[in-house]
Structures are given as structure tokens and as C-alpha cells.
N, C-alpha and C. Protein backbone atom coordinates (compact mmCIF):
# COMPACT_ATOMS: atom_id res chain seq x y z
N MET A 1 -15.90 22.20 -4.70
CA MET A 1 -14.36 22.62 -4.68
C MET A 1 -13.83 21.80 -3.66
N THR A 2 -12.62 21.52 -4.12
CA THR A 2 -11.76 20.64 -3.04
C THR A 2 -11.00 21.58 -2.08
N GLU A 3 -10.78 21.28 -0.98
CA GLU A 3 -10.10 21.95 -0.11
C GLU A 3 -8.59 21.81 -0.04
N PRO A 4 -7.68 22.83 -0.05
CA PRO A 4 -6.23 22.55 -0.15
C PRO A 4 -5.87 21.76 0.83
N GLU A 5 -4.81 21.04 0.68
CA GLU A 5 -4.23 20.14 1.87
C GLU A 5 -3.25 21.05 2.51
N THR A 6 -3.59 21.41 3.88
CA THR A 6 -2.64 22.32 4.68
C THR A 6 -1.88 21.43 5.61
N ASP A 7 -1.97 20.11 5.57
CA ASP A 7 -1.17 19.32 6.53
C ASP A 7 0.25 18.93 5.92
N GLN A 8 0.36 19.42 4.60
CA GLN A 8 1.46 19.03 3.68
C GLN A 8 2.80 19.78 4.42
N LEU A 9 3.75 19.06 4.56
CA LEU A 9 5.04 19.67 5.07
C LEU A 9 6.11 19.33 4.11
N LEU A 10 7.12 20.29 3.94
CA LEU A 10 8.37 20.01 3.08
C LEU A 10 9.51 20.08 3.96
N GLU A 11 10.32 19.23 4.09
CA GLU A 11 11.41 19.06 5.03
C GLU A 11 12.48 18.47 4.35
N ARG A 12 13.78 18.91 4.93
CA ARG A 12 15.11 18.24 4.56
C ARG A 12 15.32 17.35 5.66
N MET A 13 15.61 16.10 5.40
CA MET A 13 15.86 14.99 6.33
C MET A 13 17.30 14.80 6.08
N THR A 14 18.31 14.82 7.02
CA THR A 14 19.59 14.53 7.02
C THR A 14 19.77 13.23 7.91
N ILE A 15 20.24 12.24 7.20
CA ILE A 15 20.56 10.70 7.95
C ILE A 15 22.03 10.70 7.94
N MET A 16 22.40 10.37 9.30
CA MET A 16 23.92 10.33 9.44
C MET A 16 24.43 8.99 10.15
N GLY A 17 25.49 8.59 9.80
CA GLY A 17 25.90 7.24 10.41
C GLY A 17 26.84 6.58 9.56
N ASP A 18 26.89 5.08 9.58
CA ASP A 18 27.65 4.31 8.71
C ASP A 18 26.71 3.85 7.55
N LEU A 19 26.58 4.64 6.47
CA LEU A 19 25.39 4.46 5.45
C LEU A 19 25.87 3.78 4.17
N ASP A 20 26.85 3.09 4.30
CA ASP A 20 27.64 2.53 3.01
C ASP A 20 26.90 1.44 2.21
N GLY A 21 26.12 1.06 2.93
CA GLY A 21 25.24 -0.12 2.34
C GLY A 21 24.53 0.35 0.84
N ALA A 22 24.96 -0.48 -0.12
CA ALA A 22 24.28 -0.09 -1.46
C ALA A 22 22.77 -0.33 -1.51
N SER A 23 22.36 -1.02 -0.57
CA SER A 23 20.82 -1.04 -0.44
C SER A 23 20.07 0.01 0.20
N PHE A 24 20.76 1.04 0.77
CA PHE A 24 19.98 1.86 1.51
C PHE A 24 19.12 2.85 0.54
N LEU A 25 19.69 3.47 -0.25
CA LEU A 25 19.16 4.43 -1.00
C LEU A 25 17.87 3.84 -1.91
N PRO A 26 18.09 2.66 -2.20
CA PRO A 26 16.73 2.17 -3.10
C PRO A 26 15.72 1.83 -1.71
N TRP A 27 16.19 1.43 -0.62
CA TRP A 27 15.27 1.23 0.49
C TRP A 27 14.52 2.40 0.78
N ILE A 28 15.36 3.53 0.82
CA ILE A 28 14.77 4.93 1.23
C ILE A 28 13.62 5.26 0.23
N ARG A 29 14.02 5.03 -1.02
CA ARG A 29 13.07 5.33 -2.14
C ARG A 29 11.72 4.38 -2.16
N ARG A 30 11.96 3.15 -1.82
CA ARG A 30 10.86 2.17 -1.56
C ARG A 30 9.95 2.87 -0.53
N HIS A 31 10.56 2.90 0.62
CA HIS A 31 9.78 3.16 1.90
C HIS A 31 9.09 4.50 1.73
N ALA A 32 9.65 5.55 1.11
CA ALA A 32 9.00 6.99 0.85
C ALA A 32 7.63 6.67 -0.05
N THR A 33 8.06 5.81 -1.04
CA THR A 33 6.92 5.63 -2.05
C THR A 33 5.61 4.81 -1.44
N LYS A 34 6.17 3.94 -0.58
CA LYS A 34 5.03 3.31 0.06
C LYS A 34 4.19 3.86 1.02
N LEU A 35 4.86 5.07 1.60
CA LEU A 35 4.23 5.91 2.51
C LEU A 35 3.50 7.01 1.77
N GLY A 36 3.61 7.18 0.42
CA GLY A 36 3.13 8.29 -0.44
C GLY A 36 3.78 9.52 -0.24
N LEU A 37 4.88 9.50 0.13
CA LEU A 37 5.67 10.69 0.35
C LEU A 37 6.49 11.04 -0.92
N SER A 38 6.37 12.44 -1.35
CA SER A 38 7.31 12.92 -2.36
C SER A 38 8.54 13.26 -1.79
N HIS A 39 9.41 12.74 -2.67
CA HIS A 39 10.98 12.66 -2.16
C HIS A 39 11.95 12.94 -3.21
N ALA A 40 13.15 13.57 -2.78
CA ALA A 40 14.16 13.70 -3.88
C ALA A 40 15.58 13.55 -2.89
N ILE A 41 16.55 12.77 -3.24
CA ILE A 41 17.77 12.67 -2.62
C ILE A 41 18.62 13.68 -3.28
N SER A 42 19.08 14.69 -2.28
CA SER A 42 20.04 15.69 -2.78
C SER A 42 21.64 15.55 -2.53
N HIS A 43 21.76 14.55 -1.54
CA HIS A 43 23.28 14.32 -1.37
C HIS A 43 23.23 12.87 -0.86
N SER A 44 24.14 12.07 -1.29
CA SER A 44 24.36 10.71 -0.79
C SER A 44 25.97 10.37 -0.64
N GLY A 45 26.46 9.86 0.55
CA GLY A 45 27.70 9.50 0.87
C GLY A 45 27.75 8.40 1.94
N PRO A 46 28.88 7.90 2.18
CA PRO A 46 28.87 6.93 3.15
C PRO A 46 28.72 7.17 4.58
N ASP A 47 28.58 8.42 4.90
CA ASP A 47 28.31 9.01 6.26
C ASP A 47 27.10 9.77 6.30
N ARG A 48 26.57 10.41 5.24
CA ARG A 48 25.48 11.25 5.30
C ARG A 48 24.62 11.01 3.95
N ILE A 49 23.32 11.01 4.06
CA ILE A 49 22.33 11.09 3.11
C ILE A 49 21.32 12.33 3.28
N GLU A 50 21.10 13.21 2.35
CA GLU A 50 20.25 14.24 2.56
C GLU A 50 19.06 14.16 1.64
N LEU A 51 17.86 14.28 1.94
CA LEU A 51 16.57 14.35 1.07
C LEU A 51 15.71 15.20 1.51
N GLU A 52 14.93 15.53 0.36
CA GLU A 52 13.87 16.57 0.68
C GLU A 52 12.58 15.73 0.60
N ILE A 53 11.75 15.96 1.45
CA ILE A 53 10.62 14.93 1.63
C ILE A 53 9.33 15.78 1.95
N ALA A 54 8.24 15.26 1.16
CA ALA A 54 7.19 16.16 1.40
C ALA A 54 5.97 15.32 1.56
N GLY A 55 4.94 15.69 2.51
CA GLY A 55 3.72 14.81 2.94
C GLY A 55 3.28 15.43 4.23
N PRO A 56 2.20 14.52 4.67
CA PRO A 56 1.76 14.79 5.93
C PRO A 56 2.87 14.45 7.21
N GLU A 57 2.83 15.32 8.21
CA GLU A 57 3.81 15.14 9.25
C GLU A 57 3.77 13.76 9.72
N ALA A 58 2.69 13.07 9.96
CA ALA A 58 2.66 11.93 10.64
C ALA A 58 3.08 10.83 9.59
N LEU A 59 3.26 10.90 8.44
CA LEU A 59 4.07 10.06 7.48
C LEU A 59 5.37 10.26 7.45
N ILE A 60 5.86 11.51 7.53
CA ILE A 60 7.24 12.05 7.59
C ILE A 60 7.84 11.36 8.91
N ASP A 61 6.95 11.40 10.04
CA ASP A 61 7.68 10.87 11.30
C ASP A 61 7.84 9.27 10.95
N MET A 62 6.74 8.57 10.36
CA MET A 62 6.91 7.32 9.89
C MET A 62 8.16 6.86 9.38
N MET A 63 8.63 7.82 8.35
CA MET A 63 9.66 7.74 7.44
C MET A 63 11.00 7.81 8.44
N GLU A 64 10.89 8.60 9.19
CA GLU A 64 12.07 8.80 10.20
C GLU A 64 12.33 7.64 11.04
N VAL A 65 11.47 7.08 11.48
CA VAL A 65 11.28 5.85 12.29
C VAL A 65 11.92 4.69 11.41
N GLY A 66 11.27 4.65 10.11
CA GLY A 66 11.63 3.62 9.27
C GLY A 66 13.17 3.62 9.05
N CYS A 67 13.65 5.06 8.73
CA CYS A 67 15.24 5.08 8.41
C CYS A 67 16.01 4.78 9.49
N SER A 68 15.56 5.02 10.67
CA SER A 68 16.24 4.88 11.96
C SER A 68 16.49 3.30 12.04
N LEU A 69 15.58 2.61 11.65
CA LEU A 69 15.66 1.08 11.81
C LEU A 69 16.34 0.36 10.43
N GLY A 70 16.22 1.10 9.34
CA GLY A 70 16.82 0.66 8.23
C GLY A 70 17.04 -0.61 7.79
N PRO A 71 17.90 -1.06 6.73
CA PRO A 71 18.33 -2.25 6.41
C PRO A 71 19.46 -2.66 7.35
N ILE A 72 19.69 -3.96 7.42
CA ILE A 72 20.65 -4.38 8.44
C ILE A 72 22.14 -4.04 8.21
N GLU A 73 22.31 -3.71 6.91
CA GLU A 73 23.83 -3.29 6.66
C GLU A 73 24.22 -1.97 6.82
N VAL A 74 23.26 -1.15 7.30
CA VAL A 74 23.57 0.39 7.70
C VAL A 74 23.30 0.50 9.20
N TRP A 75 23.87 1.55 9.72
CA TRP A 75 23.95 1.92 11.19
C TRP A 75 23.61 3.26 11.10
N VAL A 76 22.31 3.65 11.33
CA VAL A 76 22.01 5.11 11.47
C VAL A 76 22.15 5.71 12.96
N GLU A 77 23.06 6.69 13.05
CA GLU A 77 23.30 7.17 14.35
C GLU A 77 22.44 8.33 14.82
N LYS A 78 22.06 9.30 13.67
CA LYS A 78 21.47 10.53 13.99
C LYS A 78 20.42 11.00 12.68
N ILE A 79 19.37 11.41 12.96
CA ILE A 79 18.42 11.85 11.77
C ILE A 79 18.12 13.18 12.36
N GLU A 80 18.26 14.13 11.46
CA GLU A 80 18.00 15.63 11.56
C GLU A 80 16.95 16.01 10.69
N ARG A 81 15.82 16.65 10.95
CA ARG A 81 14.81 17.18 10.15
C ARG A 81 14.71 18.64 10.34
N LYS A 82 14.52 19.30 9.15
CA LYS A 82 14.40 20.83 9.05
C LYS A 82 13.30 21.18 8.21
N ALA A 83 12.41 22.03 8.51
CA ALA A 83 11.44 22.56 7.63
C ALA A 83 12.04 23.57 6.51
N ILE A 84 11.48 23.16 5.27
CA ILE A 84 12.01 24.15 4.21
C ILE A 84 10.87 25.10 4.04
N VAL A 85 11.09 26.37 4.11
CA VAL A 85 10.17 27.46 4.12
C VAL A 85 10.37 28.06 2.68
N GLY A 86 9.18 28.36 2.25
CA GLY A 86 9.20 29.27 0.88
C GLY A 86 9.49 28.45 -0.32
N LYS A 87 9.45 27.18 -0.38
CA LYS A 87 9.48 26.34 -1.56
C LYS A 87 8.48 25.34 -1.57
N THR A 88 7.96 25.14 -2.81
CA THR A 88 6.85 24.27 -2.88
C THR A 88 7.16 23.12 -3.93
N ARG A 89 6.66 22.03 -3.54
CA ARG A 89 6.78 20.79 -4.38
C ARG A 89 5.53 20.58 -5.20
């Protein structure tokens, strides 16, 4: 029998800054997929993007670092992360 994965987190990641670059949303999707993270973008605007992201904490940390560096046409000022409790993916 397989052990359940207990190191999986579900978080809401809010990225804030000058995010008007058309390439950022596809970049986020590609980066999350490369890291093997489950993800869904719930809001996108020129100054804020919110996504729900699930996976091991270390990989979510890597996603945060990647987003903070992002493509050159965006300027990420701040990233907030909040655990989502009581919801499963």
C-alpha cells in the first residue's frame, strides 16, 4: 500500500507589482508545470495576480523565487503566501 503524501500544501500566492506583461501568465503556468505543481490562476490584473498552488513546500518556495525574478517585462514588488485550509485539490 502506498503512503499518502503528507508534505503537500495548498496555498494562495498573491503576486503584486507592475505585472502588465502579456508573457507573465503563460510564464507562471510553464514554471509551475516544470516544477510539477498543481495550479489555478484565480485573478489576474496589471498590478495583482492570485493563484492557488499545490505541491511540496520546497517546490512552492522555488515557484515564489522564480516569480520574484520573473520575465524582464514585469516588476514584482511583493509576493504573499497564505495556506488554504479545508480545501483539497
